[in-house]
Amino acid sequence: MPDSPSRLIVLEAVVAERERQEKVYGVQNHANNFWNVLTTKHMGDISRRIQEQDDNKLFIELVQTAAVLFAWAEAMHLNNKKKWSNYER
């Protein structure tokens, strides 16, 4: 099981990045095709950071990408509140 403080630190970083993104770009409510293109671009950025062997930049990119995926899930939830009112795996 991952170290709980590490999980909390990463989750806080993702939430902070999500809030930063919303301040910069506003509420994002796009079609799935747009989100797919955006996250694919971010995955390319992650690949580049891996090749650069810069763990600090890689961590930042991972947090940014997680925040974009979070925003995508938020947009889907906003558009389908009834469908996902009680999330179950």
N, C-alpha and C. Protein backbone atom coordinates (compact mmCIF):
# COMPACT_ATOMS: atom_id res chain seq x y z
N MET A 1 0.85 -1.18 0.00
CA MET A 1 0.00 0.00 0.00
C MET A 1 0.88 1.24 0.00
N PRO A 2 0.58 2.21 -0.87
CA PRO A 2 1.39 3.43 -0.92
C PRO A 2 1.36 4.18 0.41
N ASP A 3 2.42 4.91 0.64
CA ASP A 3 2.54 5.75 1.83
C ASP A 3 1.42 6.78 1.82
N SER A 4 0.55 6.76 2.83
CA SER A 4 -0.61 7.67 2.86
C SER A 4 -0.22 9.15 2.77
N PRO A 5 0.83 9.61 3.49
CA PRO A 5 1.21 11.03 3.32
C PRO A 5 1.58 11.36 1.88
N SER A 6 2.24 10.43 1.19
CA SER A 6 2.59 10.68 -0.22
C SER A 6 1.33 10.79 -1.06
N ARG A 7 0.37 9.93 -0.80
CA ARG A 7 -0.89 9.96 -1.56
C ARG A 7 -1.58 11.30 -1.34
N LEU A 8 -1.61 11.76 -0.11
CA LEU A 8 -2.25 13.03 0.22
C LEU A 8 -1.53 14.20 -0.44
N ILE A 9 -0.22 14.18 -0.43
CA ILE A 9 0.58 15.25 -1.04
C ILE A 9 0.30 15.32 -2.54
N VAL A 10 0.27 14.16 -3.19
CA VAL A 10 0.02 14.12 -4.64
C VAL A 10 -1.41 14.58 -4.93
N LEU A 11 -2.37 14.10 -4.15
CA LEU A 11 -3.76 14.50 -4.36
C LEU A 11 -3.93 16.01 -4.17
N GLU A 12 -3.28 16.57 -3.16
CA GLU A 12 -3.34 18.02 -2.95
C GLU A 12 -2.72 18.78 -4.11
N ALA A 13 -1.63 18.24 -4.66
CA ALA A 13 -0.99 18.88 -5.82
C ALA A 13 -1.92 18.86 -7.03
N VAL A 14 -2.62 17.75 -7.24
CA VAL A 14 -3.54 17.63 -8.38
C VAL A 14 -4.71 18.60 -8.21
N VAL A 15 -5.26 18.68 -7.01
CA VAL A 15 -6.39 19.59 -6.77
C VAL A 15 -5.94 21.04 -6.94
N ALA A 16 -4.76 21.39 -6.44
CA ALA A 16 -4.25 22.75 -6.61
C ALA A 16 -4.04 23.07 -8.09
N GLU A 17 -3.52 22.12 -8.85
CA GLU A 17 -3.32 22.33 -10.29
C GLU A 17 -4.67 22.45 -10.99
N ARG A 18 -5.64 21.66 -10.58
CA ARG A 18 -6.98 21.75 -11.18
C ARG A 18 -7.57 23.13 -10.94
N GLU A 19 -7.41 23.66 -9.73
CA GLU A 19 -7.90 25.00 -9.42
C GLU A 19 -7.17 26.06 -10.23
N ARG A 20 -5.85 25.88 -10.41
CA ARG A 20 -5.07 26.82 -11.22
C ARG A 20 -5.56 26.81 -12.66
N GLN A 21 -5.79 25.61 -13.20
CA GLN A 21 -6.27 25.50 -14.57
C GLN A 21 -7.62 26.18 -14.75
N GLU A 22 -8.49 26.02 -13.77
CA GLU A 22 -9.81 26.64 -13.88
C GLU A 22 -9.71 28.17 -13.82
N LYS A 23 -8.79 28.69 -13.04
CA LYS A 23 -8.59 30.15 -12.99
C LYS A 23 -8.07 30.66 -14.33
N VAL A 24 -7.20 29.91 -14.96
CA VAL A 24 -6.60 30.32 -16.23
C VAL A 24 -7.57 30.14 -17.39
N TYR A 25 -8.24 28.98 -17.46
CA TYR A 25 -9.04 28.63 -18.62
C TYR A 25 -10.55 28.70 -18.39
N GLY A 26 -10.97 28.89 -17.15
CA GLY A 26 -12.39 28.87 -16.83
C GLY A 26 -12.91 27.44 -16.80
N VAL A 27 -14.21 27.32 -16.62
CA VAL A 27 -14.82 25.99 -16.59
C VAL A 27 -14.70 25.38 -17.98
N GLN A 28 -14.21 24.16 -18.04
CA GLN A 28 -14.02 23.48 -19.31
C GLN A 28 -15.08 22.40 -19.47
N ASN A 29 -15.85 22.50 -20.53
CA ASN A 29 -16.92 21.54 -20.78
C ASN A 29 -16.87 21.17 -22.26
N HIS A 30 -15.98 20.26 -22.58
CA HIS A 30 -15.73 19.90 -23.98
C HIS A 30 -16.26 18.50 -24.29
N ALA A 31 -16.31 18.20 -25.56
CA ALA A 31 -16.66 16.86 -26.02
C ALA A 31 -15.51 15.90 -25.72
N ASN A 32 -15.83 14.64 -25.64
CA ASN A 32 -14.80 13.63 -25.33
C ASN A 32 -13.65 13.65 -26.34
N ASN A 33 -13.95 13.93 -27.61
CA ASN A 33 -12.88 13.98 -28.62
C ASN A 33 -11.84 15.03 -28.27
N PHE A 34 -12.29 16.20 -27.82
CA PHE A 34 -11.36 17.26 -27.43
C PHE A 34 -10.50 16.81 -26.25
N TRP A 35 -11.16 16.25 -25.23
CA TRP A 35 -10.42 15.80 -24.04
C TRP A 35 -9.39 14.75 -24.42
N ASN A 36 -9.76 13.86 -25.34
CA ASN A 36 -8.84 12.82 -25.77
C ASN A 36 -7.59 13.42 -26.43
N VAL A 37 -7.79 14.41 -27.29
CA VAL A 37 -6.65 15.07 -27.93
C VAL A 37 -5.78 15.75 -26.89
N LEU A 38 -6.41 16.45 -25.95
CA LEU A 38 -5.66 17.16 -24.92
C LEU A 38 -4.85 16.21 -24.05
N THR A 39 -5.45 15.12 -23.62
CA THR A 39 -4.71 14.19 -22.77
C THR A 39 -3.62 13.45 -23.56
N THR A 40 -3.86 13.20 -24.84
CA THR A 40 -2.83 12.58 -25.67
C THR A 40 -1.62 13.50 -25.79
N LYS A 41 -1.88 14.80 -25.93
CA LYS A 41 -0.79 15.79 -25.97
C LYS A 41 -0.01 15.74 -24.66
N HIS A 42 -0.72 15.67 -23.55
CA HIS A 42 -0.04 15.61 -22.25
C HIS A 42 0.77 14.32 -22.09
N MET A 43 0.27 13.23 -22.63
CA MET A 43 1.04 11.97 -22.55
C MET A 43 2.34 12.10 -23.33
N GLY A 44 2.30 12.82 -24.44
CA GLY A 44 3.53 13.08 -25.18
C GLY A 44 4.50 13.91 -24.36
N ASP A 45 3.98 14.89 -23.62
CA ASP A 45 4.83 15.69 -22.74
C ASP A 45 5.46 14.84 -21.65
N ILE A 46 4.70 13.89 -21.13
CA ILE A 46 5.24 12.97 -20.12
C ILE A 46 6.38 12.16 -20.72
N SER A 47 6.18 11.65 -21.92
CA SER A 47 7.23 10.88 -22.60
C SER A 47 8.49 11.70 -22.78
N ARG A 48 8.32 12.96 -23.15
CA ARG A 48 9.47 13.84 -23.32
C ARG A 48 10.21 14.03 -21.99
N ARG A 49 9.47 14.23 -20.91
CA ARG A 49 10.10 14.41 -19.59
C ARG A 49 10.85 13.16 -19.16
N ILE A 50 10.31 11.99 -19.49
CA ILE A 50 11.01 10.75 -19.17
C ILE A 50 12.34 10.70 -19.90
N GLN A 51 12.33 11.06 -21.19
CA GLN A 51 13.56 11.06 -21.98
C GLN A 51 14.57 12.07 -21.46
N GLU A 52 14.09 13.18 -20.94
CA GLU A 52 14.98 14.22 -20.39
C GLU A 52 15.58 13.80 -19.05
N GLN A 53 15.01 12.79 -18.42
CA GLN A 53 15.46 12.30 -17.12
C GLN A 53 15.48 13.40 -16.07
N ASP A 54 14.42 14.20 -16.07
CA ASP A 54 14.26 15.28 -15.09
C ASP A 54 13.03 14.96 -14.25
N ASP A 55 13.27 14.36 -13.08
CA ASP A 55 12.16 13.91 -12.24
C ASP A 55 11.27 15.05 -11.75
N ASN A 56 11.83 16.21 -11.52
CA ASN A 56 11.02 17.34 -11.07
C ASN A 56 10.02 17.75 -12.16
N LYS A 57 10.51 17.91 -13.39
CA LYS A 57 9.63 18.27 -14.50
C LYS A 57 8.63 17.15 -14.80
N LEU A 58 9.06 15.90 -14.64
CA LEU A 58 8.17 14.76 -14.85
C LEU A 58 7.04 14.79 -13.83
N PHE A 59 7.36 15.03 -12.57
CA PHE A 59 6.33 15.09 -11.53
C PHE A 59 5.32 16.20 -11.84
N ILE A 60 5.81 17.36 -12.23
CA ILE A 60 4.92 18.48 -12.57
C ILE A 60 4.00 18.09 -13.73
N GLU A 61 4.55 17.46 -14.75
CA GLU A 61 3.75 17.06 -15.91
C GLU A 61 2.72 16.00 -15.53
N LEU A 62 3.10 15.07 -14.66
CA LEU A 62 2.15 14.06 -14.20
C LEU A 62 0.99 14.70 -13.45
N VAL A 63 1.30 15.67 -12.60
CA VAL A 63 0.26 16.38 -11.85
C VAL A 63 -0.64 17.16 -12.80
N GLN A 64 -0.06 17.84 -13.78
CA GLN A 64 -0.86 18.59 -14.74
C GLN A 64 -1.77 17.68 -15.54
N THR A 65 -1.25 16.53 -15.95
CA THR A 65 -2.04 15.58 -16.73
C THR A 65 -3.16 15.00 -15.88
N ALA A 66 -2.85 14.67 -14.64
CA ALA A 66 -3.89 14.15 -13.74
C ALA A 66 -5.00 15.19 -13.55
N ALA A 67 -4.62 16.46 -13.46
CA ALA A 67 -5.61 17.53 -13.30
C ALA A 67 -6.48 17.66 -14.55
N VAL A 68 -5.90 17.48 -15.72
CA VAL A 68 -6.68 17.52 -16.96
C VAL A 68 -7.66 16.35 -17.00
N LEU A 69 -7.21 15.18 -16.62
CA LEU A 69 -8.10 14.02 -16.57
C LEU A 69 -9.21 14.24 -15.54
N PHE A 70 -8.87 14.87 -14.44
CA PHE A 70 -9.85 15.22 -13.40
C PHE A 70 -10.90 16.16 -13.98
N ALA A 71 -10.45 17.16 -14.74
CA ALA A 71 -11.37 18.11 -15.37
C ALA A 71 -12.29 17.41 -16.35
N TRP A 72 -11.77 16.44 -17.08
CA TRP A 72 -12.57 15.67 -18.03
C TRP A 72 -13.66 14.91 -17.27
N ALA A 73 -13.30 14.27 -16.17
CA ALA A 73 -14.29 13.55 -15.36
C ALA A 73 -15.32 14.51 -14.79
N GLU A 74 -14.88 15.70 -14.38
CA GLU A 74 -15.82 16.72 -13.89
C GLU A 74 -16.81 17.11 -14.98
N ALA A 75 -16.31 17.32 -16.20
CA ALA A 75 -17.18 17.71 -17.31
C ALA A 75 -18.20 16.62 -17.61
N MET A 76 -17.75 15.38 -17.59
CA MET A 76 -18.68 14.27 -17.82
C MET A 76 -19.74 14.22 -16.73
N HIS A 77 -19.32 14.44 -15.50
CA HIS A 77 -20.26 14.41 -14.38
C HIS A 77 -21.26 15.56 -14.50
N LEU A 78 -20.78 16.75 -14.86
CA LEU A 78 -21.68 17.89 -15.02
C LEU A 78 -22.76 17.61 -16.06
N ASN A 79 -22.38 16.92 -17.12
CA ASN A 79 -23.31 16.64 -18.21
C ASN A 79 -24.20 15.43 -17.96
N ASN A 80 -23.86 14.66 -16.94
CA ASN A 80 -24.60 13.41 -16.67
C ASN A 80 -24.79 13.20 -15.18
N LYS A 81 -25.18 14.24 -14.46
CA LYS A 81 -25.28 14.14 -13.00
C LYS A 81 -26.12 12.97 -12.53
N LYS A 82 -27.24 12.76 -13.17
CA LYS A 82 -28.11 11.66 -12.73
C LYS A 82 -27.45 10.31 -12.95
N LYS A 83 -26.75 10.20 -14.05
CA LYS A 83 -26.12 8.92 -14.40
C LYS A 83 -25.06 8.52 -13.38
N TRP A 84 -24.28 9.51 -12.88
CA TRP A 84 -23.19 9.20 -11.96
C TRP A 84 -23.38 9.83 -10.59
N SER A 85 -24.63 9.91 -10.14
CA SER A 85 -24.86 10.51 -8.83
C SER A 85 -24.32 9.64 -7.71
N ASN A 86 -24.29 8.34 -7.91
CA ASN A 86 -23.73 7.41 -6.93
C ASN A 86 -22.70 6.55 -7.63
N TYR A 87 -21.47 7.04 -7.68
CA TYR A 87 -20.41 6.33 -8.39
C TYR A 87 -20.14 4.99 -7.74
N GLU A 88 -20.15 3.96 -8.56
CA GLU A 88 -19.79 2.62 -8.11
C GLU A 88 -18.85 2.01 -9.11
N ARG A 89 -17.89 1.29 -8.62
CA ARG A 89 -16.93 0.63 -9.51
C ARG A 89 -17.52 -0.62 -10.10
